[in-house]
Amino acid sequence: MAAPAAEGAAASAAAALRAVLVRAGRAAERSGRAAEAVRVVAVGKTKPVSMLQQLYDAGHRCFGENYVQELVTKAPQLPEDIRWHFIGHLQSNKVKPLLAAVPNLDMVEGVDNEKIANHLDRAVNSLGRKPLKVLVQVNTSGEESKSGIGPSRCVELAKHVKLACPHLIFSGLMTIGMKDYSSTPENFKALVDCKLEVCKALEIPTEQFELSMGMSGDFEQAIEMGSTNVRIGSTIFGPREYPNKKQ
C-alpha cells in the first residue's frame, strides 16, 4: 500500500504546485509585474526524492532545501538541470562539501556574515565552479532565534560580498519573517527599505535586485510588496515529517 500512497501524495503535490503558481502569478500581476517576474522555490524539507521527481516531471525546475545533508543526499538522485537553492544559515565547515556535492547549486539564500561569504568565495574558486549567486540574510524581526544581520548592517555586508568576493554574485536580500503573520508587513517593509538603501549605496538598478521573502502562509502578500522569490514548502508538499526526531 505504501507505493500507491506515495504516488497519490506526489500527484497531489503537483496539483498543489500548479495552484501555488497561479496564485503567485496573480499576486505578481497585482503588483504590476509579469507572473514570470516571481520565482517559486519548492522547498522539499523531509520529503522523499520521488515527490520532488514528480514536480520535476510536471515541469518545475527550482527546488530548495534547508539542511546541507538533505541537499547533498537528494541532489545526485535528481536531474542535473534542477536549480537548487540552499536556504538559511550555512556553517563554515559545510560550505565545501555542499558546493562539491551539488554542482547545480544555483543560489545560497542566507549569507549572514563576512566569514561565510569568504568561505563561499574561496570554495567556488578552489572547485573551479562558475560564480555562485548569493542573497544576504537580514533579520528583519529582531528575533534572537533567527539568523541574519540587523537591517542597519545590510549595506556593509552587501558591499563586502559585491566588492570583496569576486567568485560570488551578490543578487539581493532575503528574510525569514515572524510566524505571526499579522506582523509580516513590517518584516517585508523592513526588507524593502534595506533594498532601497543597498541599491543606492552600491548603485544597483532596483529592477536587477532580488528580494526573497514570503513562505506558505504569506507569499501572496510578500509578492505584492515586491518579493521576486518565494519559498514554498507545506502548501505544496503537505506538513513536514520528522519520523526520527525525538522531542
C-alpha atoms as a PDB file:
ATOM      1  CA  MET A   1       0.000   0.000   0.000  1.00  0.00           C
ATOM      2  CA  ALA A   2       2.962   2.319   0.532  1.00  0.00           C
ATOM      3  CA  ALA A   3       3.717   2.808  -3.170  1.00  0.00           C
ATOM      4  CA  PRO A   4       0.185   3.904  -4.202  1.00  0.00           C
ATOM      5  CA  ALA A   5       0.058   6.214  -1.190  1.00  0.00           C
ATOM      6  CA  ALA A   6       3.362   7.784  -2.223  1.00  0.00           C
ATOM      7  CA  GLU A   7       2.146   8.176  -5.794  1.00  0.00           C
ATOM      8  CA  GLY A   8      -1.019   9.843  -4.556  1.00  0.00           C
ATOM      9  CA  ALA A   9       0.956  12.248  -2.390  1.00  0.00           C
ATOM     10  CA  ALA A  10       3.228  13.128  -5.314  1.00  0.00           C
ATOM     11  CA  ALA A  11       0.280  13.733  -7.624  1.00  0.00           C
ATOM     12  CA  SER A  12      -1.393  15.967  -5.055  1.00  0.00           C
ATOM     13  CA  ALA A  13       1.887  17.870  -4.650  1.00  0.00           C
ATOM     14  CA  ALA A  14       1.974  18.506  -8.402  1.00  0.00           C
ATOM     15  CA  ALA A  15      -1.611  19.804  -8.265  1.00  0.00           C
ATOM     16  CA  ALA A  16      -0.754  21.968  -5.248  1.00  0.00           C
ATOM     17  CA  LEU A  17       2.260  23.388  -7.079  1.00  0.00           C
ATOM     18  CA  ARG A  18       0.072  24.374 -10.044  1.00  0.00           C
ATOM     19  CA  ALA A  19      -2.300  26.177  -7.678  1.00  0.00           C
ATOM     20  CA  VAL A  20       0.616  27.997  -5.996  1.00  0.00           C
ATOM     21  CA  LEU A  21       1.999  29.097  -9.385  1.00  0.00           C
ATOM     22  CA  VAL A  22      -1.400  30.522 -10.336  1.00  0.00           C
ATOM     23  CA  ARG A  23      -1.695  32.397  -7.027  1.00  0.00           C
ATOM     24  CA  ALA A  24       1.869  33.709  -7.305  1.00  0.00           C
ATOM     25  CA  GLY A  25       1.257  34.866 -10.863  1.00  0.00           C
ATOM     26  CA  ARG A  26      -1.887  36.742  -9.889  1.00  0.00           C
ATOM     27  CA  ALA A  27      -0.112  38.403  -6.960  1.00  0.00           C
ATOM     28  CA  ALA A  28       2.691  39.477  -9.328  1.00  0.00           C
ATOM     29  CA  GLU A  29       0.154  40.997 -11.690  1.00  0.00           C
ATOM     30  CA  ARG A  30      -1.460  42.858  -8.801  1.00  0.00           C
ATOM     31  CA  SER A  31       1.961  44.360  -8.077  1.00  0.00           C
ATOM     32  CA  GLY A  32       2.295  45.486 -11.686  1.00  0.00           C
ATOM     33  CA  ARG A  33       4.698  42.747 -12.779  1.00  0.00           C
ATOM     34  CA  ALA A  34       4.533  39.740 -15.065  1.00  0.00           C
ATOM     35  CA  ALA A  35       3.955  36.319 -13.493  1.00  0.00           C
ATOM     36  CA  GLU A  36       7.425  35.300 -14.740  1.00  0.00           C
ATOM     37  CA  ALA A  37       8.985  38.008 -12.553  1.00  0.00           C
ATOM     38  CA  VAL A  38       8.471  35.836  -9.454  1.00  0.00           C
ATOM     39  CA  ARG A  39      10.325  32.575  -8.815  1.00  0.00           C
ATOM     40  CA  VAL A  40       8.643  29.855  -6.781  1.00  0.00           C
ATOM     41  CA  VAL A  41      11.157  27.688  -4.922  1.00  0.00           C
ATOM     42  CA  ALA A  42       9.623  24.341  -3.952  1.00  0.00           C
ATOM     43  CA  VAL A  43      11.156  23.514  -0.564  1.00  0.00           C
ATOM     44  CA  GLY A  44      11.140  19.753  -0.043  1.00  0.00           C
ATOM     45  CA  LYS A  45      12.443  19.512   3.525  1.00  0.00           C
ATOM     46  CA  THR A  46      11.820  15.977   4.902  1.00  0.00           C
ATOM     47  CA  LYS A  47      10.078  14.905   1.687  1.00  0.00           C
ATOM     48  CA  PRO A  48      11.201  11.946  -0.460  1.00  0.00           C
ATOM     49  CA  VAL A  49      13.061  12.272  -3.737  1.00  0.00           C
ATOM     50  CA  SER A  50      10.116  10.620  -5.536  1.00  0.00           C
ATOM     51  CA  MET A  51       7.880  13.552  -4.646  1.00  0.00           C
ATOM     52  CA  LEU A  52      10.388  16.081  -5.969  1.00  0.00           C
ATOM     53  CA  GLN A  53      10.790  13.999  -9.128  1.00  0.00           C
ATOM     54  CA  GLN A  54       7.037  14.214  -9.689  1.00  0.00           C
ATOM     55  CA  LEU A  55       7.205  18.023  -9.602  1.00  0.00           C
ATOM     56  CA  TYR A  56      10.183  17.927 -11.950  1.00  0.00           C
ATOM     57  CA  ASP A  57       8.172  15.745 -14.341  1.00  0.00           C
ATOM     58  CA  ALA A  58       5.405  18.344 -14.155  1.00  0.00           C
ATOM     59  CA  GLY A  59       7.899  20.946 -15.421  1.00  0.00           C
ATOM     60  CA  HIS A  60       9.237  22.570 -12.251  1.00  0.00           C
ATOM     61  CA  ARG A  61      12.969  23.227 -12.048  1.00  0.00           C
ATOM     62  CA  CYS A  62      13.601  25.326  -8.936  1.00  0.00           C
ATOM     63  CA  PHE A  63      13.900  23.460  -5.632  1.00  0.00           C
ATOM     64  CA  GLY A  64      15.232  24.347  -2.197  1.00  0.00           C
ATOM     65  CA  GLU A  65      16.444  22.636   0.948  1.00  0.00           C
ATOM     66  CA  ASN A  66      17.213  23.886   4.471  1.00  0.00           C
ATOM     67  CA  TYR A  67      19.717  21.236   5.548  1.00  0.00           C
ATOM     68  CA  VAL A  68      23.041  20.525   3.865  1.00  0.00           C
ATOM     69  CA  GLN A  69      22.868  16.771   4.445  1.00  0.00           C
ATOM     70  CA  GLU A  70      19.424  16.544   2.885  1.00  0.00           C
ATOM     71  CA  LEU A  71      20.500  18.559  -0.151  1.00  0.00           C
ATOM     72  CA  VAL A  72      23.709  16.606  -0.787  1.00  0.00           C
ATOM     73  CA  THR A  73      21.723  13.354  -0.491  1.00  0.00           C
ATOM     74  CA  LYS A  74      18.867  14.356  -2.787  1.00  0.00           C
ATOM     75  CA  ALA A  75      20.636  16.348  -5.495  1.00  0.00           C
ATOM     76  CA  PRO A  76      22.612  13.432  -7.052  1.00  0.00           C
ATOM     77  CA  GLN A  77      19.393  11.394  -7.319  1.00  0.00           C
ATOM     78  CA  LEU A  78      17.593  14.067  -9.349  1.00  0.00           C
ATOM     79  CA  PRO A  79      18.148  15.603 -12.803  1.00  0.00           C
ATOM     80  CA  GLU A  80      21.127  17.893 -13.263  1.00  0.00           C
ATOM     81  CA  ASP A  81      19.155  20.794 -14.718  1.00  0.00           C
ATOM     82  CA  ILE A  82      17.411  21.460 -11.392  1.00  0.00           C
ATOM     83  CA  ARG A  83      18.361  24.856  -9.969  1.00  0.00           C
ATOM     84  CA  TRP A  84      18.932  24.216  -6.265  1.00  0.00           C
ATOM     85  CA  HIS A  85      18.693  26.857  -3.552  1.00  0.00           C
ATOM     86  CA  PHE A  86      20.216  26.360  -0.125  1.00  0.00           C
ATOM     87  CA  ILE A  87      18.040  28.314   2.313  1.00  0.00           C
ATOM     88  CA  GLY A  88      19.041  29.512   5.758  1.00  0.00           C
ATOM     89  CA  HIS A  89      22.148  29.574   7.924  1.00  0.00           C
ATOM     90  CA  LEU A  90      25.160  27.764   6.455  1.00  0.00           C
ATOM     91  CA  GLN A  91      28.015  26.610   8.691  1.00  0.00           C
ATOM     92  CA  SER A  92      31.567  27.258   7.500  1.00  0.00           C
ATOM     93  CA  ASN A  93      32.589  23.598   7.650  1.00  0.00           C
ATOM     94  CA  LYS A  94      29.652  22.605   5.425  1.00  0.00           C
ATOM     95  CA  VAL A  95      30.463  25.047   2.601  1.00  0.00           C
ATOM     96  CA  LYS A  96      32.923  22.976   0.585  1.00  0.00           C
ATOM     97  CA  PRO A  97      31.067  19.636   0.964  1.00  0.00           C
ATOM     98  CA  LEU A  98      27.870  21.344  -0.216  1.00  0.00           C
ATOM     99  CA  LEU A  99      29.435  23.007  -3.241  1.00  0.00           C
ATOM    100  CA  ALA A 100      31.379  19.885  -4.195  1.00  0.00           C
ATOM    101  CA  ALA A 101      28.342  17.585  -3.964  1.00  0.00           C
ATOM    102  CA  VAL A 102      25.836  19.881  -5.692  1.00  0.00           C
ATOM    103  CA  PRO A 103      27.376  21.311  -8.885  1.00  0.00           C
ATOM    104  CA  ASN A 104      23.944  22.641  -9.866  1.00  0.00           C
ATOM    105  CA  LEU A 105      23.547  24.705  -6.680  1.00  0.00           C
ATOM    106  CA  ASP A 106      22.193  27.938  -8.139  1.00  0.00           C
ATOM    107  CA  MET A 107      21.874  30.167  -5.084  1.00  0.00           C
ATOM    108  CA  VAL A 108      22.646  30.376  -1.373  1.00  0.00           C
ATOM    109  CA  GLU A 109      19.869  32.249   0.424  1.00  0.00           C
ATOM    110  CA  GLY A 110      21.454  33.074   3.696  1.00  0.00           C
ATOM    111  CA  VAL A 111      24.855  34.768   3.768  1.00  0.00           C
ATOM    112  CA  ASP A 112      24.684  36.387   7.198  1.00  0.00           C
ATOM    113  CA  ASN A 113      28.305  37.392   7.885  1.00  0.00           C
ATOM    114  CA  GLU A 114      31.584  38.163   6.144  1.00  0.00           C
ATOM    115  CA  LYS A 115      33.202  34.914   7.288  1.00  0.00           C
ATOM    116  CA  ILE A 116      30.674  32.715   5.477  1.00  0.00           C
ATOM    117  CA  ALA A 117      30.892  34.934   2.387  1.00  0.00           C
ATOM    118  CA  ASN A 118      34.666  34.483   2.355  1.00  0.00           C
ATOM    119  CA  HIS A 119      34.354  30.701   2.781  1.00  0.00           C
ATOM    120  CA  LEU A 120      31.907  30.503  -0.122  1.00  0.00           C
ATOM    121  CA  ASP A 121      34.103  32.687  -2.295  1.00  0.00           C
ATOM    122  CA  ARG A 122      37.184  30.549  -1.681  1.00  0.00           C
ATOM    123  CA  ALA A 123      35.297  27.276  -2.179  1.00  0.00           C
ATOM    124  CA  VAL A 124      33.807  28.391  -5.510  1.00  0.00           C
ATOM    125  CA  ASN A 125      37.296  29.353  -6.670  1.00  0.00           C
ATOM    126  CA  SER A 126      39.049  26.193  -5.477  1.00  0.00           C
ATOM    127  CA  LEU A 127      36.410  23.927  -7.051  1.00  0.00           C
ATOM    128  CA  GLY A 128      36.569  25.816 -10.349  1.00  0.00           C
ATOM    129  CA  ARG A 129      32.831  26.490 -10.302  1.00  0.00           C
ATOM    130  CA  LYS A 130      31.173  29.342 -12.106  1.00  0.00           C
ATOM    131  CA  PRO A 131      30.331  32.308  -9.809  1.00  0.00           C
ATOM    132  CA  LEU A 132      27.604  31.496  -7.276  1.00  0.00           C
ATOM    133  CA  LYS A 133      24.584  33.692  -6.668  1.00  0.00           C
ATOM    134  CA  VAL A 134      24.019  34.653  -3.042  1.00  0.00           C
ATOM    135  CA  LEU A 135      21.467  36.612  -1.052  1.00  0.00           C
ATOM    136  CA  VAL A 136      22.354  38.401   2.167  1.00  0.00           C
ATOM    137  CA  GLN A 137      20.062  37.310   5.006  1.00  0.00           C
ATOM    138  CA  VAL A 138      18.569  40.130   7.074  1.00  0.00           C
ATOM    139  CA  ASN A 139      16.911  39.526  10.440  1.00  0.00           C
ATOM    140  CA  THR A 140      14.010  41.921   9.955  1.00  0.00           C
ATOM    141  CA  SER A 141      12.074  40.721  13.009  1.00  0.00           C
ATOM    142  CA  GLY A 142      14.876  41.114  15.562  1.00  0.00           C
ATOM    143  CA  GLU A 143      14.298  37.596  16.907  1.00  0.00           C
ATOM    144  CA  GLU A 144      17.347  36.055  18.579  1.00  0.00           C
ATOM    145  CA  SER A 145      16.351  32.622  17.285  1.00  0.00           C
ATOM    146  CA  LYS A 146      16.742  33.790  13.674  1.00  0.00           C
ATOM    147  CA  SER A 147      19.955  34.092  11.712  1.00  0.00           C
ATOM    148  CA  GLY A 148      20.745  37.183   9.695  1.00  0.00           C
ATOM    149  CA  ILE A 149      22.305  40.576  10.179  1.00  0.00           C
ATOM    150  CA  GLY A 150      20.405  43.557  11.515  1.00  0.00           C
ATOM    151  CA  PRO A 151      18.974  45.959   8.924  1.00  0.00           C
ATOM    152  CA  SER A 152      21.482  48.636   9.935  1.00  0.00           C
ATOM    153  CA  ARG A 153      24.347  46.422   8.720  1.00  0.00           C
ATOM    154  CA  CYS A 154      22.913  45.136   5.456  1.00  0.00           C
ATOM    155  CA  VAL A 155      24.734  47.727   3.306  1.00  0.00           C
ATOM    156  CA  GLU A 156      28.066  46.860   4.921  1.00  0.00           C
ATOM    157  CA  LEU A 157      27.693  43.105   4.282  1.00  0.00           C
ATOM    158  CA  ALA A 158      26.271  43.574   0.783  1.00  0.00           C
ATOM    159  CA  LYS A 159      29.244  45.772  -0.070  1.00  0.00           C
ATOM    160  CA  HIS A 160      31.671  43.116   1.184  1.00  0.00           C
ATOM    161  CA  VAL A 161      30.035  40.384  -0.923  1.00  0.00           C
ATOM    162  CA  LYS A 162      29.874  42.532  -4.041  1.00  0.00           C
ATOM    163  CA  LEU A 163      33.341  44.085  -3.844  1.00  0.00           C
ATOM    164  CA  ALA A 164      35.499  41.613  -1.902  1.00  0.00           C
ATOM    165  CA  CYS A 165      34.143  38.240  -3.106  1.00  0.00           C
ATOM    166  CA  PRO A 166      34.858  38.006  -6.858  1.00  0.00           C
ATOM    167  CA  HIS A 167      33.526  34.445  -7.150  1.00  0.00           C
ATOM    168  CA  LEU A 168      30.116  35.332  -5.707  1.00  0.00           C
ATOM    169  CA  ILE A 169      27.293  37.217  -7.393  1.00  0.00           C
ATOM    170  CA  PHE A 170      25.531  39.479  -4.921  1.00  0.00           C
ATOM    171  CA  SER A 171      21.922  39.123  -6.052  1.00  0.00           C
ATOM    172  CA  GLY A 172      19.864  40.709  -3.283  1.00  0.00           C
ATOM    173  CA  LEU A 173      18.403  40.156   0.180  1.00  0.00           C
ATOM    174  CA  MET A 174      16.300  37.563   1.956  1.00  0.00           C
ATOM    175  CA  THR A 175      14.448  37.360   5.241  1.00  0.00           C
ATOM    176  CA  ILE A 176      12.549  34.797   7.272  1.00  0.00           C
ATOM    177  CA  GLY A 177       9.627  36.681   8.767  1.00  0.00           C
ATOM    178  CA  MET A 178       7.834  36.077  12.040  1.00  0.00           C
ATOM    179  CA  LYS A 179       5.314  33.270  12.286  1.00  0.00           C
ATOM    180  CA  ASP A 180       2.691  35.722  13.475  1.00  0.00           C
ATOM    181  CA  TYR A 181       1.515  36.628  10.006  1.00  0.00           C
ATOM    182  CA  SER A 182      -0.143  39.822  11.205  1.00  0.00           C
ATOM    183  CA  SER A 183       3.370  41.184  11.700  1.00  0.00           C
ATOM    184  CA  THR A 184       4.716  40.280   8.267  1.00  0.00           C
ATOM    185  CA  PRO A 185       4.021  43.615   6.573  1.00  0.00           C
ATOM    186  CA  GLU A 186       6.564  45.190   8.936  1.00  0.00           C
ATOM    187  CA  ASN A 187       9.086  42.412   8.198  1.00  0.00           C
ATOM    188  CA  PHE A 188       8.582  42.796   4.470  1.00  0.00           C
ATOM    189  CA  LYS A 189       8.637  46.587   4.574  1.00  0.00           C
ATOM    190  CA  ALA A 190      11.918  46.459   6.507  1.00  0.00           C
ATOM    191  CA  LEU A 191      13.474  44.314   3.764  1.00  0.00           C
ATOM    192  CA  VAL A 192      12.161  46.643   1.043  1.00  0.00           C
ATOM    193  CA  ASP A 193      13.730  49.573   2.905  1.00  0.00           C
ATOM    194  CA  CYS A 194      17.034  47.655   3.093  1.00  0.00           C
ATOM    195  CA  LYS A 195      16.839  47.025  -0.632  1.00  0.00           C
ATOM    196  CA  LEU A 196      16.494  50.724  -1.361  1.00  0.00           C
ATOM    197  CA  GLU A 197      19.466  51.523   0.887  1.00  0.00           C
ATOM    198  CA  VAL A 198      21.685  48.866  -0.706  1.00  0.00           C
ATOM    199  CA  CYS A 199      20.705  49.789  -4.261  1.00  0.00           C
ATOM    200  CA  LYS A 200      21.528  53.418  -3.564  1.00  0.00           C
ATOM    201  CA  ALA A 201      24.836  52.679  -1.811  1.00  0.00           C
ATOM    202  CA  LEU A 202      26.084  50.190  -4.415  1.00  0.00           C
ATOM    203  CA  GLU A 203      24.417  51.842  -7.438  1.00  0.00           C
ATOM    204  CA  ILE A 204      22.455  48.732  -8.350  1.00  0.00           C
ATOM    205  CA  PRO A 205      19.310  49.191 -10.502  1.00  0.00           C
ATOM    206  CA  THR A 206      16.323  48.170  -8.378  1.00  0.00           C
ATOM    207  CA  GLU A 207      14.895  46.034 -11.179  1.00  0.00           C
ATOM    208  CA  GLN A 208      18.040  43.850 -11.078  1.00  0.00           C
ATOM    209  CA  PHE A 209      17.736  43.229  -7.333  1.00  0.00           C
ATOM    210  CA  GLU A 210      16.229  40.090  -5.804  1.00  0.00           C
ATOM    211  CA  LEU A 211      14.074  40.049  -2.673  1.00  0.00           C
ATOM    212  CA  SER A 212      13.414  36.629  -1.195  1.00  0.00           C
ATOM    213  CA  MET A 213      10.549  36.911   1.263  1.00  0.00           C
ATOM    214  CA  GLY A 214       7.326  35.026   1.717  1.00  0.00           C
ATOM    215  CA  MET A 215       6.551  31.391   2.511  1.00  0.00           C
ATOM    216  CA  SER A 216       3.458  29.189   2.515  1.00  0.00           C
ATOM    217  CA  GLY A 217       1.386  31.384   4.815  1.00  0.00           C
ATOM    218  CA  ASP A 218       2.128  34.793   3.340  1.00  0.00           C
ATOM    219  CA  PHE A 219       3.693  34.507  -0.113  1.00  0.00           C
ATOM    220  CA  GLU A 220       0.972  36.437  -1.945  1.00  0.00           C
ATOM    221  CA  GLN A 221       1.339  39.419   0.362  1.00  0.00           C
ATOM    222  CA  ALA A 222       5.133  39.204   0.021  1.00  0.00           C
ATOM    223  CA  ILE A 223       4.885  39.258  -3.778  1.00  0.00           C
ATOM    224  CA  GLU A 224       2.528  42.232  -3.666  1.00  0.00           C
ATOM    225  CA  MET A 225       5.176  44.036  -1.586  1.00  0.00           C
ATOM    226  CA  GLY A 226       7.947  43.300  -4.065  1.00  0.00           C
ATOM    227  CA  SER A 227       9.252  39.776  -3.488  1.00  0.00           C
ATOM    228  CA  THR A 228      10.881  38.158  -6.525  1.00  0.00           C
ATOM    229  CA  ASN A 229      11.475  34.791  -4.862  1.00  0.00           C
ATOM    230  CA  VAL A 230       9.102  32.861  -2.584  1.00  0.00           C
ATOM    231  CA  ARG A 231       9.951  29.674  -0.696  1.00  0.00           C
ATOM    232  CA  ILE A 232       7.003  27.297  -0.514  1.00  0.00           C
ATOM    233  CA  GLY A 233       7.089  24.033   1.432  1.00  0.00           C
ATOM    234  CA  SER A 234       3.988  22.790   3.235  1.00  0.00           C
ATOM    235  CA  THR A 235       1.445  24.345   0.846  1.00  0.00           C
ATOM    236  CA  ILE A 236       2.939  22.197  -1.930  1.00  0.00           C
ATOM    237  CA  PHE A 237       4.164  19.118  -0.100  1.00  0.00           C
ATOM    238  CA  GLY A 238       1.924  18.951   2.962  1.00  0.00           C
ATOM    239  CA  PRO A 239       3.123  19.041   6.592  1.00  0.00           C
ATOM    240  CA  ARG A 240       6.754  18.212   7.200  1.00  0.00           C
ATOM    241  CA  GLU A 241       7.561  14.763   8.555  1.00  0.00           C
ATOM    242  CA  TYR A 242      10.175  14.106  11.207  1.00  0.00           C
ATOM    243  CA  PRO A 243       9.944  10.338  11.734  1.00  0.00           C
ATOM    244  CA  ASN A 244      13.229  10.012  13.609  1.00  0.00           C
ATOM    245  CA  LYS A 245      13.067  13.221  15.588  1.00  0.00           C
ATOM    246  CA  LYS A 246      12.522  12.824  19.313  1.00  0.00           C
ATOM    247  CA  GLN A 247      11.218  15.859  21.108  1.00  0.00           C
END
